Protein backbone atom coordinates (compact mmCIF):
# COMPACT_ATOMS: atom_id res chain seq x y z
CA MET A 1 17.23 4.11 -5.05
CA THR A 2 14.72 6.90 -7.22
CA THR A 3 14.73 10.07 -5.29
CA ASP A 4 12.49 12.79 -7.26
CA ALA A 5 14.23 16.30 -5.67
CA VAL A 6 12.30 18.84 -3.88
CA SER A 7 13.31 22.08 -3.70
CA PRO A 8 13.63 23.51 -0.10
CA LEU A 9 11.36 26.05 0.95
CA PRO A 10 10.72 28.51 3.88
CA GLY A 11 9.22 27.30 6.72
CA TRP A 12 6.35 29.20 6.81
CA ARG A 13 5.85 27.95 2.88
CA THR A 14 6.51 23.93 3.55
CA LEU A 15 4.11 24.60 6.60
CA ALA A 16 1.47 25.99 4.32
CA ARG A 17 1.78 23.79 1.40
CA ASP A 18 1.56 20.30 3.93
CA ALA A 19 -1.62 22.23 5.14
CA VAL A 20 -2.99 22.40 1.70
CA TRP A 21 -2.03 18.67 1.23
CA TRP A 22 -3.36 17.29 3.94
CA ALA A 23 -6.96 18.80 3.08
CA GLN A 24 -6.85 17.85 -0.28
CA ASP A 25 -5.87 14.48 1.25
CA TYR A 26 -9.07 13.90 3.59
CA ALA A 27 -10.97 14.79 0.49
CA TYR A 28 -9.71 12.53 -1.77
CA ALA A 29 -9.59 9.80 1.30
CA ALA A 30 -13.73 11.27 1.68
CA ALA A 31 -14.24 10.64 -1.79
CA ALA A 32 -12.84 7.43 -2.07
CA GLN A 33 -15.19 6.13 1.02
CA VAL A 34 -18.09 7.48 -0.40
CA ARG A 35 -17.42 5.76 -3.90
CA ALA A 36 -16.94 2.75 -2.15
CA VAL A 37 -20.44 2.27 -0.90
CA GLY A 38 -21.85 2.03 -4.90
CA PRO A 39 -22.00 -1.30 -7.01
CA GLY A 40 -19.39 -2.95 -7.92
CA HIS A 41 -18.27 -6.51 -7.29
CA PRO A 42 -14.81 -7.69 -6.59
CA ASP A 43 -14.85 -10.51 -9.72
CA ASP A 44 -15.10 -7.61 -12.14
CA PHE A 45 -11.66 -7.22 -12.68
CA ALA A 46 -10.48 -10.76 -12.55
CA SER A 47 -10.44 -11.13 -16.50
CA GLY A 48 -7.00 -11.07 -18.50
CA GLN A 49 -4.43 -12.59 -19.75
CA GLY A 50 -1.60 -10.25 -18.03
CA ARG A 51 0.59 -11.26 -15.07
CA PRO A 52 -2.37 -11.34 -11.93
CA LEU A 53 -2.15 -8.28 -9.54
CA VAL A 54 -3.40 -8.67 -6.09
CA LEU A 55 -4.78 -5.37 -4.00
CA LEU A 56 -3.87 -5.36 -0.15
CA PRO A 57 -5.71 -1.55 0.79
CA GLY A 58 -5.14 0.00 3.79
CA ILE A 59 -6.73 0.17 7.34
CA TYR A 60 -10.26 1.24 7.26
CA GLU A 61 -10.29 0.39 3.39
CA THR A 62 -12.17 -1.78 1.16
CA TRP A 63 -10.60 -3.29 -2.02
CA ARG A 64 -12.97 -0.31 -3.80
CA PHE A 65 -10.46 2.21 -2.26
CA LEU A 66 -8.05 0.73 -4.84
CA GLU A 67 -10.88 0.46 -7.75
CA PRO A 68 -9.17 3.82 -9.84
CA LEU A 69 -5.59 1.67 -10.14
CA ALA A 70 -7.84 -1.94 -10.66
CA ARG A 71 -9.29 -0.37 -13.43
CA VAL A 72 -6.32 1.19 -15.35
CA LEU A 73 -4.45 -1.71 -15.10
CA HIS A 74 -7.37 -4.37 -15.84
CA ASP A 75 -7.49 -2.39 -19.02
CA ARG A 76 -4.18 -3.45 -19.91
CA GLY A 77 -5.07 -6.78 -19.18
CA HIS A 78 -4.00 -7.57 -16.42
CA PRO A 79 -6.61 -10.12 -13.68
CA ILE A 80 -7.13 -8.05 -10.65
CA HIS A 81 -7.55 -10.42 -7.67
CA VAL A 82 -9.33 -8.73 -4.45
CA VAL A 83 -9.13 -10.40 -0.86
CA THR A 84 -12.15 -9.93 0.09
CA GLY A 85 -11.43 -11.64 3.70
CA LEU A 86 -9.79 -8.37 4.80
CA GLY A 87 -12.98 -6.99 5.05
CA SER A 88 -12.64 -3.27 6.10
CA ASN A 89 -8.77 -4.63 6.88
CA ARG A 90 -8.97 -4.33 11.09
CA ARG A 91 -7.70 -7.47 11.73
CA PRO A 92 -3.73 -7.66 12.92
CA ILE A 93 -1.26 -8.03 10.42
CA VAL A 94 -0.67 -11.48 10.69
CA GLU A 95 -4.09 -12.75 10.51
CA SER A 96 -4.45 -10.90 7.04
CA ALA A 97 -1.12 -12.21 5.58
CA ALA A 98 -2.47 -15.56 6.32
CA VAL A 99 -6.12 -14.23 4.44
CA ALA A 100 -4.26 -13.32 1.53
CA ALA A 101 -1.80 -16.09 1.21
CA ALA A 102 -4.93 -18.01 1.22
CA LEU A 103 -6.15 -16.24 -1.72
CA LEU A 104 -2.90 -17.26 -3.51
CA ARG A 105 -3.19 -20.47 -2.66
CA GLU A 106 -7.18 -21.03 -3.65
CA ARG A 107 -6.64 -19.41 -6.90
CA ASP A 108 -3.82 -20.76 -7.66
CA LEU A 109 -1.65 -17.73 -8.42
CA HIS A 110 1.60 -17.35 -9.49
CA ASP A 111 4.42 -15.06 -10.24
CA VAL A 112 2.42 -12.52 -8.71
CA VAL A 113 2.49 -8.80 -7.80
CA LEU A 114 0.48 -7.00 -5.12
CA VAL A 115 -0.83 -3.65 -5.26
CA ALA A 116 -0.84 -2.11 -1.50
CA HIS A 117 -1.77 0.68 0.05
CA SER A 118 -0.06 1.79 3.86
CA LYS A 119 -0.94 -0.93 5.57
CA GLY A 120 -1.44 -3.49 2.96
CA GLY A 121 2.23 -3.38 2.19
CA LEU A 122 2.76 -4.69 6.05
CA ILE A 123 0.30 -7.04 5.01
CA GLY A 124 2.31 -8.19 1.93
CA LYS A 125 5.58 -8.07 3.35
CA HIS A 126 4.60 -10.24 5.90
CA LEU A 127 3.38 -13.00 3.25
CA MET A 128 6.46 -12.04 1.42
CA ALA A 129 8.59 -12.52 4.50
CA PHE A 130 7.39 -15.29 6.46
CA ASP A 131 4.56 -17.74 4.03
CA PRO A 132 5.68 -20.37 1.79
CA VAL A 133 3.17 -18.97 -0.36
CA GLY A 134 5.52 -15.80 -0.75
CA THR A 135 7.58 -17.42 -2.77
CA ARG A 136 4.77 -16.70 -5.53
CA VAL A 137 5.09 -12.71 -5.35
CA ARG A 138 6.82 -11.94 -7.67
CA ALA A 139 6.96 -7.90 -6.53
CA MET A 140 4.82 -5.62 -4.62
CA VAL A 141 4.31 -2.08 -5.17
CA ALA A 142 3.76 -0.43 -1.68
CA VAL A 143 2.16 3.13 -1.40
CA ALA A 144 2.71 5.10 1.40
CA THR A 145 3.39 2.20 4.04
CA PRO A 146 4.65 2.82 7.23
CA PHE A 147 7.44 -0.21 6.76
CA GLY A 148 9.85 1.86 9.86
CA GLY A 149 6.10 2.55 11.95
CA SER A 150 4.74 5.59 12.93
CA ARG A 151 5.03 7.48 16.08
CA TYR A 152 1.40 9.08 16.06
CA SER A 153 0.67 5.23 16.35
CA ARG A 154 0.96 5.03 20.39
CA LEU A 155 -1.87 8.15 20.70
CA MET A 156 -4.16 6.34 18.88
CA PRO A 157 -7.78 5.30 20.45
CA THR A 158 -8.02 1.74 18.76
CA PRO A 159 -5.38 -1.53 18.56
CA SER A 160 -5.76 -1.74 15.17
CA LEU A 161 -3.95 1.54 14.53
CA ARG A 162 -1.76 1.33 18.11
CA ALA A 163 -0.09 -1.77 16.26
CA PHE A 164 1.76 0.50 13.65
CA ARG A 165 3.68 1.49 16.89
CA SER A 166 7.81 0.49 15.98
CA GLY A 167 8.45 -1.19 18.80
CA ASP A 168 4.92 -3.90 18.00
CA ALA A 169 6.69 -7.58 17.72
CA THR A 170 4.87 -7.69 14.64
CA MET A 171 6.64 -4.59 13.26
CA ARG A 172 10.16 -5.33 14.70
CA ALA A 173 9.87 -8.65 12.64
CA LEU A 174 8.60 -7.26 9.83
CA ALA A 175 11.91 -4.83 10.32
CA ALA A 176 14.08 -7.89 10.83
CA SER A 177 13.18 -9.19 8.17
CA ALA A 178 15.15 -7.61 5.10
CA ASP A 179 16.01 -10.09 2.60
CA VAL A 180 12.78 -9.40 0.68
CA ASN A 181 12.58 -5.83 0.64
CA SER A 182 14.50 -6.52 -2.96
CA ARG A 183 11.59 -7.51 -4.03
CA ILE A 184 9.38 -4.38 -2.85
CA VAL A 185 8.95 -0.80 -4.69
CA SER A 186 7.81 1.76 -1.82
CA VAL A 187 6.46 4.52 -2.88
CA PHE A 188 5.55 7.59 -0.72
CA GLY A 189 4.73 11.45 -0.72
CA ALA A 190 7.23 14.19 -0.19
CA PHE A 191 5.24 14.76 3.29
CA ASP A 192 2.89 12.11 4.98
CA PRO A 193 0.54 13.64 7.66
CA HIS A 194 0.21 10.05 9.02
CA ILE A 195 3.75 8.94 8.82
CA PRO A 196 6.53 11.31 9.99
CA GLU A 197 8.80 8.80 9.59
CA GLY A 198 8.44 7.87 6.08
CA SER A 199 7.95 5.18 3.93
CA GLU A 200 11.74 4.62 2.56
CA LEU A 201 12.89 0.75 2.72
CA ALA A 202 16.67 -0.19 2.93
CA GLY A 203 16.78 -2.37 0.38
CA ALA A 204 14.00 -1.51 -1.94
CA ARG A 205 13.07 0.46 -4.64
CA ASN A 206 12.15 3.74 -3.09
CA VAL A 207 10.31 6.36 -4.89
CA ARG A 208 9.78 9.60 -3.48
CA LEU A 209 6.80 11.84 -5.30
CA ASP A 210 7.03 15.69 -5.97
CA GLY A 211 3.28 16.13 -4.22
CA GLY A 212 2.35 14.72 -0.70
CA GLY A 213 -0.35 13.01 1.60
CA HIS A 214 -1.15 9.77 2.56
CA PHE A 215 -4.14 8.96 0.92
CA ARG A 216 -4.00 11.14 -2.55
CA VAL A 217 -0.57 10.35 -3.83
CA LEU A 218 -2.35 6.68 -4.96
CA ALA A 219 -3.92 9.16 -8.22
CA ASP A 220 -0.39 9.68 -8.78
CA PRO A 221 0.99 8.54 -12.27
CA ARG A 222 3.83 7.31 -10.87
CA VAL A 223 2.28 4.74 -9.11
CA ILE A 224 0.62 3.51 -11.78
CA ALA A 225 3.99 3.42 -13.79
CA GLU A 226 5.64 1.62 -10.95
CA VAL A 227 2.91 -1.03 -11.10
CA ILE A 228 3.07 -1.52 -14.80
CA ARG A 229 7.08 -1.87 -14.64
CA ALA A 230 7.10 -4.20 -11.79
CA ALA A 231 4.36 -6.22 -13.61
CA GLU A 232 4.86 -5.78 -17.44
């Protein structure tokens, strides 16, 4: 396991730091959602001779949310595949994993690295653990994924958000499927306002960043570095 050391701060300073991270986090998310309505086509990054990468965005996110990552990785020669059938990713995890698996079959993709954010990591793990096509996945880099659920989920107004309860049947099945954890890299911030339990996953390569947030951590250079490490 890899863990970046974070110096302890007095209580009030920790709260102030987390409040700043939270504000920066939502500013990043808002900008990403605005960018998503601009021009862009899912096949813009599909060319390349490197190992194929498949994007799995988080809930209420389209593939465009991960476009900055896609651009950098495509420039390194990796074909980037987009699961357009996910839309804004509001379907149940099981259904979404089936959609992602169908893409791997349709495009005959092998030795794939999944690049996932938040809920996307749960979709990717479900594909790896329960679908025969999961053997085609070399690794997954999951950023800010609630592998252990989130206690805030039960307070949420929609079923798609309440599905992240640790007691949910799908979440329990994913937790019990530890065999695939060794192929997962879980990257997460020192503070995540959406996942107080954190994203550490037993048996995975766990990378804790110095910064905090649920969305803005996608811009951390370590994320790109971990994808490159998994793919190259």
